[in-house]
C-alpha atoms as a PDB file:
ATOM      1  CA  MET A   1      11.605   4.229   6.152  1.00  0.00           C
ATOM      2  CA  GLU A   2       9.538   6.010   3.508  1.00  0.00           C
ATOM      3  CA  ILE A   3       5.767   5.919   3.985  1.00  0.00           C
ATOM      4  CA  VAL A   4       3.555   7.270   1.205  1.00  0.00           C
ATOM      5  CA  LYS A   5      -0.202   7.645   1.544  1.00  0.00           C
ATOM      6  CA  MET A   6      -2.268   7.199  -1.632  1.00  0.00           C
ATOM      7  CA  LEU A   7      -5.647   6.727   0.010  1.00  0.00           C
ATOM      8  CA  VAL A   8      -8.713   5.327  -1.688  1.00  0.00           C
ATOM      9  CA  PRO A   9     -11.230   8.100  -2.449  1.00  0.00           C
ATOM     10  CA  GLU A  10     -14.273   8.156  -0.176  1.00  0.00           C
ATOM     11  CA  SER A  11     -16.515   7.481  -3.176  1.00  0.00           C
ATOM     12  CA  LYS A  12     -15.068   3.945  -3.227  1.00  0.00           C
ATOM     13  CA  TYR A  13     -15.461   3.247   0.488  1.00  0.00           C
ATOM     14  CA  PRO A  14     -18.632   1.160  -0.131  1.00  0.00           C
ATOM     15  CA  ILE A  15     -16.577  -1.240  -2.276  1.00  0.00           C
ATOM     16  CA  LYS A  16     -13.157  -1.228  -0.670  1.00  0.00           C
ATOM     17  CA  CYS A  17     -13.589  -0.376   3.034  1.00  0.00           C
ATOM     18  CA  PRO A  18     -17.257   0.010   4.001  1.00  0.00           C
ATOM     19  CA  TYR A  19     -16.939  -0.336   7.783  1.00  0.00           C
ATOM     20  CA  GLU A  20     -15.283   1.705  10.494  1.00  0.00           C
ATOM     21  CA  MET A  21     -12.631  -0.305  12.294  1.00  0.00           C
ATOM     22  CA  LYS A  22     -10.631  -0.225  15.501  1.00  0.00           C
ATOM     23  CA  PRO A  23      -7.653  -2.428  14.600  1.00  0.00           C
ATOM     24  CA  GLU A  24      -6.678  -5.230  16.963  1.00  0.00           C
ATOM     25  CA  PHE A  25      -3.802  -6.941  15.120  1.00  0.00           C
ATOM     26  CA  ILE A  26      -1.687  -7.011  11.945  1.00  0.00           C
ATOM     27  CA  ILE A  27      -2.135  -9.532   9.112  1.00  0.00           C
ATOM     28  CA  ILE A  28       0.830 -10.350   6.866  1.00  0.00           C
ATOM     29  CA  HIS A  29       0.266 -11.250   3.205  1.00  0.00           C
ATOM     30  CA  ASN A  30       2.426 -11.945   0.151  1.00  0.00           C
ATOM     31  CA  THR A  31       1.181 -10.443  -3.118  1.00  0.00           C
ATOM     32  CA  ALA A  32       2.005 -13.545  -5.222  1.00  0.00           C
ATOM     33  CA  ASN A  33       3.018 -10.968  -7.820  1.00  0.00           C
ATOM     34  CA  ASP A  34       6.150  -9.080  -8.890  1.00  0.00           C
ATOM     35  CA  ALA A  35       4.768  -5.520  -9.007  1.00  0.00           C
ATOM     36  CA  SER A  36       5.927  -2.544  -6.936  1.00  0.00           C
ATOM     37  CA  ALA A  37       4.013  -1.238  -3.921  1.00  0.00           C
ATOM     38  CA  MET A  38       2.760   1.782  -5.830  1.00  0.00           C
ATOM     39  CA  ASN A  39       1.495  -0.420  -8.649  1.00  0.00           C
ATOM     40  CA  GLU A  40      -0.202  -2.795  -6.195  1.00  0.00           C
ATOM     41  CA  ILE A  41      -2.022   0.074  -4.452  1.00  0.00           C
ATOM     42  CA  SER A  42      -2.883   1.740  -7.756  1.00  0.00           C
ATOM     43  CA  TYR A  43      -4.422  -1.479  -9.073  1.00  0.00           C
ATOM     44  CA  MET A  44      -6.300  -2.143  -5.830  1.00  0.00           C
ATOM     45  CA  ILE A  45      -7.830   1.331  -5.748  1.00  0.00           C
ATOM     46  CA  GLY A  46      -8.447   1.492  -9.487  1.00  0.00           C
ATOM     47  CA  ASN A  47     -10.646  -1.591  -9.869  1.00  0.00           C
ATOM     48  CA  ASN A  48     -14.119  -2.239  -8.482  1.00  0.00           C
ATOM     49  CA  ASN A  49     -13.414  -5.656  -6.952  1.00  0.00           C
ATOM     50  CA  LYS A  50     -14.248  -6.266  -3.306  1.00  0.00           C
ATOM     51  CA  VAL A  51     -10.599  -6.991  -2.564  1.00  0.00           C
ATOM     52  CA  SER A  52      -8.531  -4.536  -0.544  1.00  0.00           C
ATOM     53  CA  PHE A  53      -5.663  -4.141   1.921  1.00  0.00           C
ATOM     54  CA  HIS A  54      -4.190  -1.306   3.915  1.00  0.00           C
ATOM     55  CA  CYS A  55      -0.555  -1.190   2.761  1.00  0.00           C
ATOM     56  CA  ALA A  56       1.780  -2.652   0.171  1.00  0.00           C
ATOM     57  CA  ILE A  57       5.498  -2.840   0.934  1.00  0.00           C
ATOM     58  CA  ASP A  58       8.292  -3.247  -1.590  1.00  0.00           C
ATOM     59  CA  ASP A  59      12.061  -2.923  -1.370  1.00  0.00           C
ATOM     60  CA  TYR A  60      11.949   0.900  -1.228  1.00  0.00           C
ATOM     61  CA  ARG A  61       8.799   2.115   0.516  1.00  0.00           C
ATOM     62  CA  ILE A  62       5.513   1.476   2.285  1.00  0.00           C
ATOM     63  CA  VAL A  63       2.460   2.684   0.380  1.00  0.00           C
ATOM     64  CA  GLN A  64      -0.813   3.006   2.302  1.00  0.00           C
ATOM     65  CA  GLY A  65      -4.065   2.811   0.340  1.00  0.00           C
ATOM     66  CA  VAL A  66      -6.750   2.504   3.050  1.00  0.00           C
ATOM     67  CA  PRO A  67      -6.924   4.355   6.402  1.00  0.00           C
ATOM     68  CA  PHE A  68      -6.384   2.183   9.451  1.00  0.00           C
ATOM     69  CA  ASN A  69      -9.782   3.188  10.830  1.00  0.00           C
ATOM     70  CA  ARG A  70     -11.522   1.431   7.904  1.00  0.00           C
ATOM     71  CA  ASN A  71     -11.786  -2.317   7.310  1.00  0.00           C
ATOM     72  CA  THR A  72     -10.455  -4.113   4.246  1.00  0.00           C
ATOM     73  CA  TRP A  73     -11.435  -7.260   2.362  1.00  0.00           C
ATOM     74  CA  ASN A  74      -8.140  -9.070   2.826  1.00  0.00           C
ATOM     75  CA  ALA A  75      -8.564 -12.216   4.924  1.00  0.00           C
ATOM     76  CA  THR A  76     -11.099 -14.329   2.973  1.00  0.00           C
ATOM     77  CA  ASP A  77     -13.106 -14.881   6.165  1.00  0.00           C
ATOM     78  CA  GLY A  78     -16.424 -13.252   5.271  1.00  0.00           C
ATOM     79  CA  GLY A  79     -18.236  -9.996   5.836  1.00  0.00           C
ATOM     80  CA  ASN A  80     -18.038 -10.275   9.613  1.00  0.00           C
ATOM     81  CA  GLY A  81     -14.786 -12.214   9.825  1.00  0.00           C
ATOM     82  CA  GLN A  82     -12.187 -11.180  12.391  1.00  0.00           C
ATOM     83  CA  GLY A  83      -9.513 -10.741   9.733  1.00  0.00           C
ATOM     84  CA  ASN A  84     -11.663  -8.639   7.435  1.00  0.00           C
ATOM     85  CA  ARG A  85     -13.037  -6.480  10.222  1.00  0.00           C
ATOM     86  CA  LYS A  86     -10.226  -6.082  12.769  1.00  0.00           C
ATOM     87  CA  GLY A  87      -6.864  -6.536  11.047  1.00  0.00           C
ATOM     88  CA  ILE A  88      -4.364  -4.117   9.483  1.00  0.00           C
ATOM     89  CA  ALA A  89      -3.499  -5.884   6.238  1.00  0.00           C
ATOM     90  CA  LEU A  90       0.106  -5.596   4.961  1.00  0.00           C
ATOM     91  CA  GLU A  91       1.063  -6.990   1.528  1.00  0.00           C
ATOM     92  CA  ILE A  92       4.735  -7.834   0.915  1.00  0.00           C
ATOM     93  CA  CYS A  93       5.659  -7.354  -2.756  1.00  0.00           C
ATOM     94  CA  TYR A  94       7.820  -9.402  -5.153  1.00  0.00           C
ATOM     95  CA  SER A  95       6.901 -12.736  -3.591  1.00  0.00           C
ATOM     96  CA  LYS A  96       6.164 -14.483  -6.893  1.00  0.00           C
ATOM     97  CA  SER A  97       9.813 -14.713  -7.969  1.00  0.00           C
ATOM     98  CA  GLY A  98      11.515 -14.053  -4.642  1.00  0.00           C
ATOM     99  CA  GLY A  99      15.167 -13.136  -4.620  1.00  0.00           C
ATOM    100  CA  ALA A 100      16.873  -9.967  -3.430  1.00  0.00           C
ATOM    101  CA  ARG A 101      13.931  -7.612  -4.018  1.00  0.00           C
ATOM    102  CA  PHE A 102      11.580  -9.811  -1.995  1.00  0.00           C
ATOM    103  CA  GLU A 103      14.141 -10.224   0.780  1.00  0.00           C
ATOM    104  CA  GLU A 104      14.500  -6.457   1.100  1.00  0.00           C
ATOM    105  CA  ALA A 105      10.721  -5.969   0.927  1.00  0.00           C
ATOM    106  CA  GLU A 106      10.251  -8.525   3.679  1.00  0.00           C
ATOM    107  CA  ARG A 107      12.901  -6.820   5.816  1.00  0.00           C
ATOM    108  CA  LEU A 108      11.160  -3.464   5.367  1.00  0.00           C
ATOM    109  CA  ALA A 109       7.825  -5.127   6.189  1.00  0.00           C
ATOM    110  CA  ALA A 110       9.325  -6.466   9.417  1.00  0.00           C
ATOM    111  CA  GLU A 111      10.585  -2.997  10.329  1.00  0.00           C
ATOM    112  CA  TYR A 112       7.218  -1.408   9.554  1.00  0.00           C
ATOM    113  CA  THR A 113       5.355  -4.118  11.468  1.00  0.00           C
ATOM    114  CA  ALA A 114       7.507  -3.352  14.514  1.00  0.00           C
ATOM    115  CA  TYR A 115       6.799   0.351  14.031  1.00  0.00           C
ATOM    116  CA  LEU A 116       3.031  -0.305  14.055  1.00  0.00           C
ATOM    117  CA  LEU A 117       3.284  -2.582  17.085  1.00  0.00           C
ATOM    118  CA  LYS A 118       5.009   0.217  18.975  1.00  0.00           C
ATOM    119  CA  GLN A 119       2.446   2.784  17.835  1.00  0.00           C
ATOM    120  CA  TYR A 120      -0.428   0.649  19.123  1.00  0.00           C
ATOM    121  CA  GLY A 121       1.357  -0.688  22.193  1.00  0.00           C
ATOM    122  CA  TRP A 122       1.069  -4.282  20.990  1.00  0.00           C
ATOM    123  CA  GLY A 123       3.352  -7.292  21.357  1.00  0.00           C
ATOM    124  CA  ILE A 124       4.553  -9.814  18.777  1.00  0.00           C
ATOM    125  CA  ASP A 125       1.443 -11.928  19.453  1.00  0.00           C
ATOM    126  CA  LYS A 126      -0.538  -9.373  17.459  1.00  0.00           C
ATOM    127  CA  VAL A 127       1.235 -10.368  14.221  1.00  0.00           C
ATOM    128  CA  LYS A 128      -0.903 -12.834  12.262  1.00  0.00           C
ATOM    129  CA  LYS A 129      -0.690 -14.431   8.840  1.00  0.00           C
ATOM    130  CA  HIS A 130      -3.471 -14.638   6.256  1.00  0.00           C
ATOM    131  CA  ALA A 131      -3.522 -18.426   6.666  1.00  0.00           C
ATOM    132  CA  ASP A 132      -4.601 -17.997  10.298  1.00  0.00           C
ATOM    133  CA  PHE A 133      -7.977 -16.845   9.005  1.00  0.00           C
ATOM    134  CA  TYR A 134      -8.192 -18.908   5.798  1.00  0.00           C
ATOM    135  CA  PRO A 135      -5.740 -21.837   5.863  1.00  0.00           C
ATOM    136  CA  ALA A 136      -6.494 -22.995   2.314  1.00  0.00           C
ATOM    137  CA  LYS A 137      -4.989 -19.807   0.927  1.00  0.00           C
ATOM    138  CA  GLY A 138      -1.516 -20.653   2.266  1.00  0.00           C
ATOM    139  CA  CYS A 139      -0.665 -16.949   2.432  1.00  0.00           C
ATOM    140  CA  PRO A 140       1.891 -15.430   2.933  1.00  0.00           C
ATOM    141  CA  HIS A 141       3.186 -18.295   0.809  1.00  0.00           C
ATOM    142  CA  ARG A 142       6.867 -17.397   0.409  1.00  0.00           C
ATOM    143  CA  THR A 143       7.244 -16.011   3.918  1.00  0.00           C
ATOM    144  CA  ILE A 144       5.778 -19.238   5.297  1.00  0.00           C
ATOM    145  CA  SER A 145       7.919 -21.464   3.076  1.00  0.00           C
ATOM    146  CA  GLU A 146      11.079 -19.635   4.132  1.00  0.00           C
ATOM    147  CA  GLY A 147      10.074 -19.730   7.801  1.00  0.00           C
ATOM    148  CA  TRP A 148       7.288 -17.870   9.600  1.00  0.00           C
ATOM    149  CA  GLN A 149       9.201 -17.830  12.877  1.00  0.00           C
ATOM    150  CA  ARG A 150      12.158 -16.368  10.968  1.00  0.00           C
ATOM    151  CA  PHE A 151       9.935 -13.404   9.979  1.00  0.00           C
ATOM    152  CA  LEU A 152       8.659 -12.970  13.533  1.00  0.00           C
ATOM    153  CA  ASP A 153      12.271 -12.974  14.715  1.00  0.00           C
ATOM    154  CA  MET A 154      13.003 -10.131  12.289  1.00  0.00           C
ATOM    155  CA  VAL A 155      10.079  -8.154  13.690  1.00  0.00           C
ATOM    156  CA  ASN A 156      11.317  -8.832  17.212  1.00  0.00           C
ATOM    157  CA  SER A 157      14.782  -7.579  16.319  1.00  0.00           C
ATOM    158  CA  TYR A 158      13.284  -4.195  15.406  1.00  0.00           C
ATOM    159  CA  LEU A 159      11.133  -4.188  18.510  1.00  0.00           C
ATOM    160  CA  GLN A 160      14.057  -4.839  20.829  1.00  0.00           C
ATOM    161  CA  ASP A 161      17.207  -3.465  19.258  1.00  0.00           C
ATOM    162  CA  LYS A 162      16.373  -0.848  16.656  1.00  0.00           C
ATOM    163  CA  PRO A 163      14.410   2.405  16.981  1.00  0.00           C
ATOM    164  CA  THR A 164      11.213   2.505  14.932  1.00  0.00           C
ATOM    165  CA  ASN A 165       9.586   5.836  15.659  1.00  0.00           C
ATOM    166  CA  ASN A 166       8.457   8.953  13.826  1.00  0.00           C
ATOM    167  CA  GLU A 167      12.035  10.171  13.407  1.00  0.00           C
ATOM    168  CA  ASN A 168      12.693   7.259  11.054  1.00  0.00           C
ATOM    169  CA  ILE A 169       9.990   8.348   8.611  1.00  0.00           C
ATOM    170  CA  GLU A 170      11.311  10.377   5.732  1.00  0.00           C
ATOM    171  CA  ASN A 171      10.161  13.989   5.927  1.00  0.00           C
ATOM    172  CA  GLY A 172       7.376  14.849   3.522  1.00  0.00           C
ATOM    173  CA  SER A 173       6.236  11.278   3.026  1.00  0.00           C
ATOM    174  CA  ASP A 174       2.866  12.040   4.608  1.00  0.00           C
ATOM    175  CA  GLU A 175       2.056  15.210   2.697  1.00  0.00           C
ATOM    176  CA  PRO A 176      -1.534  16.421   2.433  1.00  0.00           C
ATOM    177  CA  VAL A 177      -3.169  15.629  -0.899  1.00  0.00           C
ATOM    178  CA  ARG A 178      -2.909  18.551  -3.288  1.00  0.00           C
ATOM    179  CA  LYS A 179      -4.403  19.231  -6.705  1.00  0.00           C
ATOM    180  CA  TYR A 180      -2.809  18.753 -10.089  1.00  0.00           C
ATOM    181  CA  VAL A 181      -4.203  20.930 -12.884  1.00  0.00           C
ATOM    182  CA  ASN A 182      -3.075  19.956 -16.370  1.00  0.00           C
ATOM    183  CA  GLY A 183      -1.934  22.517 -18.888  1.00  0.00           C
ATOM    184  CA  SER A 184      -3.400  23.408 -22.261  1.00  0.00           C
ATOM    185  CA  THR A 185      -2.364  20.173 -23.975  1.00  0.00           C
ATOM    186  CA  SER A 186      -2.798  16.487 -23.177  1.00  0.00           C
ATOM    187  CA  GLU A 187      -0.327  15.121 -20.630  1.00  0.00           C
ATOM    188  CA  ASN A 188       0.811  11.511 -20.659  1.00  0.00           C
ATOM    189  CA  VAL A 189       0.686   9.536 -17.406  1.00  0.00           C
ATOM    190  CA  TYR A 190       3.355   6.899 -16.788  1.00  0.00           C
ATOM    191  CA  ALA A 191       3.659   3.922 -14.451  1.00  0.00           C
ATOM    192  CA  ASP A 192       7.198   4.861 -13.422  1.00  0.00           C
ATOM    193  CA  THR A 193       9.156   8.017 -12.668  1.00  0.00           C
ATOM    194  CA  GLU A 194      11.494   7.259 -15.580  1.00  0.00           C
ATOM    195  CA  CYS A 195       8.412   7.771 -17.801  1.00  0.00           C
ATOM    196  CA  THR A 196       9.023   4.641 -19.875  1.00  0.00           C
ATOM    197  CA  ILE A 197       5.611   2.916 -19.493  1.00  0.00           C
ATOM    198  CA  LYS A 198       2.591   4.989 -20.547  1.00  0.00           C
ATOM    199  CA  ILE A 199      -0.649   4.023 -18.778  1.00  0.00           C
ATOM    200  CA  GLY A 200      -2.966   6.864 -19.818  1.00  0.00           C
ATOM    201  CA  SER A 201      -3.272  10.599 -20.259  1.00  0.00           C
ATOM    202  CA  LEU A 202      -4.909  13.703 -18.835  1.00  0.00           C
ATOM    203  CA  ASN A 203      -7.069  15.986 -20.921  1.00  0.00           C
ATOM    204  CA  PRO A 204      -6.249  19.696 -21.267  1.00  0.00           C
ATOM    205  CA  ARG A 205      -7.092  21.536 -18.010  1.00  0.00           C
ATOM    206  CA  GLU A 206      -8.103  18.283 -16.301  1.00  0.00           C
ATOM    207  CA  THR A 207      -7.879  18.399 -12.503  1.00  0.00           C
ATOM    208  CA  CYS A 208      -6.939  15.411 -10.352  1.00  0.00           C
ATOM    209  CA  ASP A 209      -5.369  14.526  -7.006  1.00  0.00           C
ATOM    210  CA  CYS A 210      -1.623  14.882  -6.481  1.00  0.00           C
ATOM    211  CA  PHE A 211       0.268  12.923  -3.818  1.00  0.00           C
ATOM    212  CA  GLY A 212       3.506  14.853  -4.106  1.00  0.00           C
ATOM    213  CA  THR A 213       6.568  14.624  -6.319  1.00  0.00           C
ATOM    214  CA  PHE A 214       8.976  11.713  -6.644  1.00  0.00           C
ATOM    215  CA  ASN A 215      12.179  11.920  -8.684  1.00  0.00           C
ATOM    216  CA  ASN A 216      10.914  15.248 -10.033  1.00  0.00           C
ATOM    217  CA  ARG A 217       7.634  13.723 -11.271  1.00  0.00           C
ATOM    218  CA  ALA A 218       4.137  14.499 -10.015  1.00  0.00           C
ATOM    219  CA  MET A 219       2.266  11.456  -8.690  1.00  0.00           C
ATOM    220  CA  VAL A 220      -1.383  11.795  -9.705  1.00  0.00           C
ATOM    221  CA  ARG A 221      -4.628   9.886  -9.230  1.00  0.00           C
ATOM    222  CA  TYR A 222      -7.231  10.410 -11.933  1.00  0.00           C
ATOM    223  CA  ILE A 223     -10.526   8.903 -13.079  1.00  0.00           C
ATOM    224  CA  VAL A 224     -10.448   6.971 -16.350  1.00  0.00           C
ATOM    225  CA  THR A 225     -12.825   8.766 -18.713  1.00  0.00           C
ATOM    226  CA  GLY A 226     -16.309   7.271 -18.767  1.00  0.00           C
ATOM    227  CA  THR A 227     -15.724   4.933 -15.786  1.00  0.00           C
ATOM    228  CA  ASN A 228     -15.592   4.906 -11.991  1.00  0.00           C
ATOM    229  CA  ASN A 229     -12.088   3.455 -12.148  1.00  0.00           C
ATOM    230  CA  TYR A 230      -9.022   5.289 -10.894  1.00  0.00           C
ATOM    231  CA  LYS A 231      -5.450   5.083 -12.072  1.00  0.00           C
ATOM    232  CA  MET A 232      -2.277   6.366 -10.461  1.00  0.00           C
ATOM    233  CA  GLY A 233       0.880   7.351 -12.212  1.00  0.00           C
ATOM    234  CA  PHE A 234       3.482  10.034 -12.853  1.00  0.00           C
ATOM    235  CA  CYS A 235       3.497  13.152 -15.048  1.00  0.00           C
ATOM    236  CA  LYS A 236       6.527  14.957 -16.460  1.00  0.00           C
ATOM    237  CA  TRP A 237       5.056  18.451 -16.148  1.00  0.00           C
ATOM    238  CA  LEU A 238       5.201  19.839 -12.594  1.00  0.00           C
ATOM    239  CA  GLY A 239       3.635  23.228 -13.229  1.00  0.00           C
ATOM    240  CA  GLY A 240       0.169  21.992 -12.359  1.00  0.00           C
ATOM    241  CA  VAL A 241       0.905  21.005  -8.743  1.00  0.00           C
ATOM    242  CA  LYS A 242      -0.986  23.308  -6.370  1.00  0.00           C
END
């Protein structure tokens, strides 16, 4: 189970997670999209919409974007709503098209949900769905349509039969944030570690946050020039990681 933290910068707390929170339960969502967890978190952090969630989960990893001691705007139940103020919001990726990638993402979400339940000493009754707080949304749509109890049974299987503790977390997945200092020329930033989709670039000597290296690429978070918007992506050059 690989957990990566790409946390929202504190400068965006007033928009994304303005209140301190002591979590009391877990809320399951489907993204209604076909993007990866890293892309979902990058988009959530990068825009200035009052929409947020704690983690996105795809078929490979869990990516956390908001600390669990801060609230998120996830449940559509208002500024003082129970869901928005007391729930850990988990988004399961690839739910738009479904298929094998969604099935694996949902399985990983069930494993991670069980892990969190054990960390907090909670039972299966602490697992909620978005629709419990805002029925009209019908979320998590695909998980509900394929059987909500089926998902809870998956969570229970990890609670009862399979270990979900710190030893299962891949070493180095919770690294402290470091700095990335660009070289003397512009450096392209890509959406993927294969560096096939360019999403922006860093100026010469520009400094930004680095969340570690993946597939020999530096994962960086940088401010789009002239805005308060952030983007996250991967750089080919590793010499600037400090």
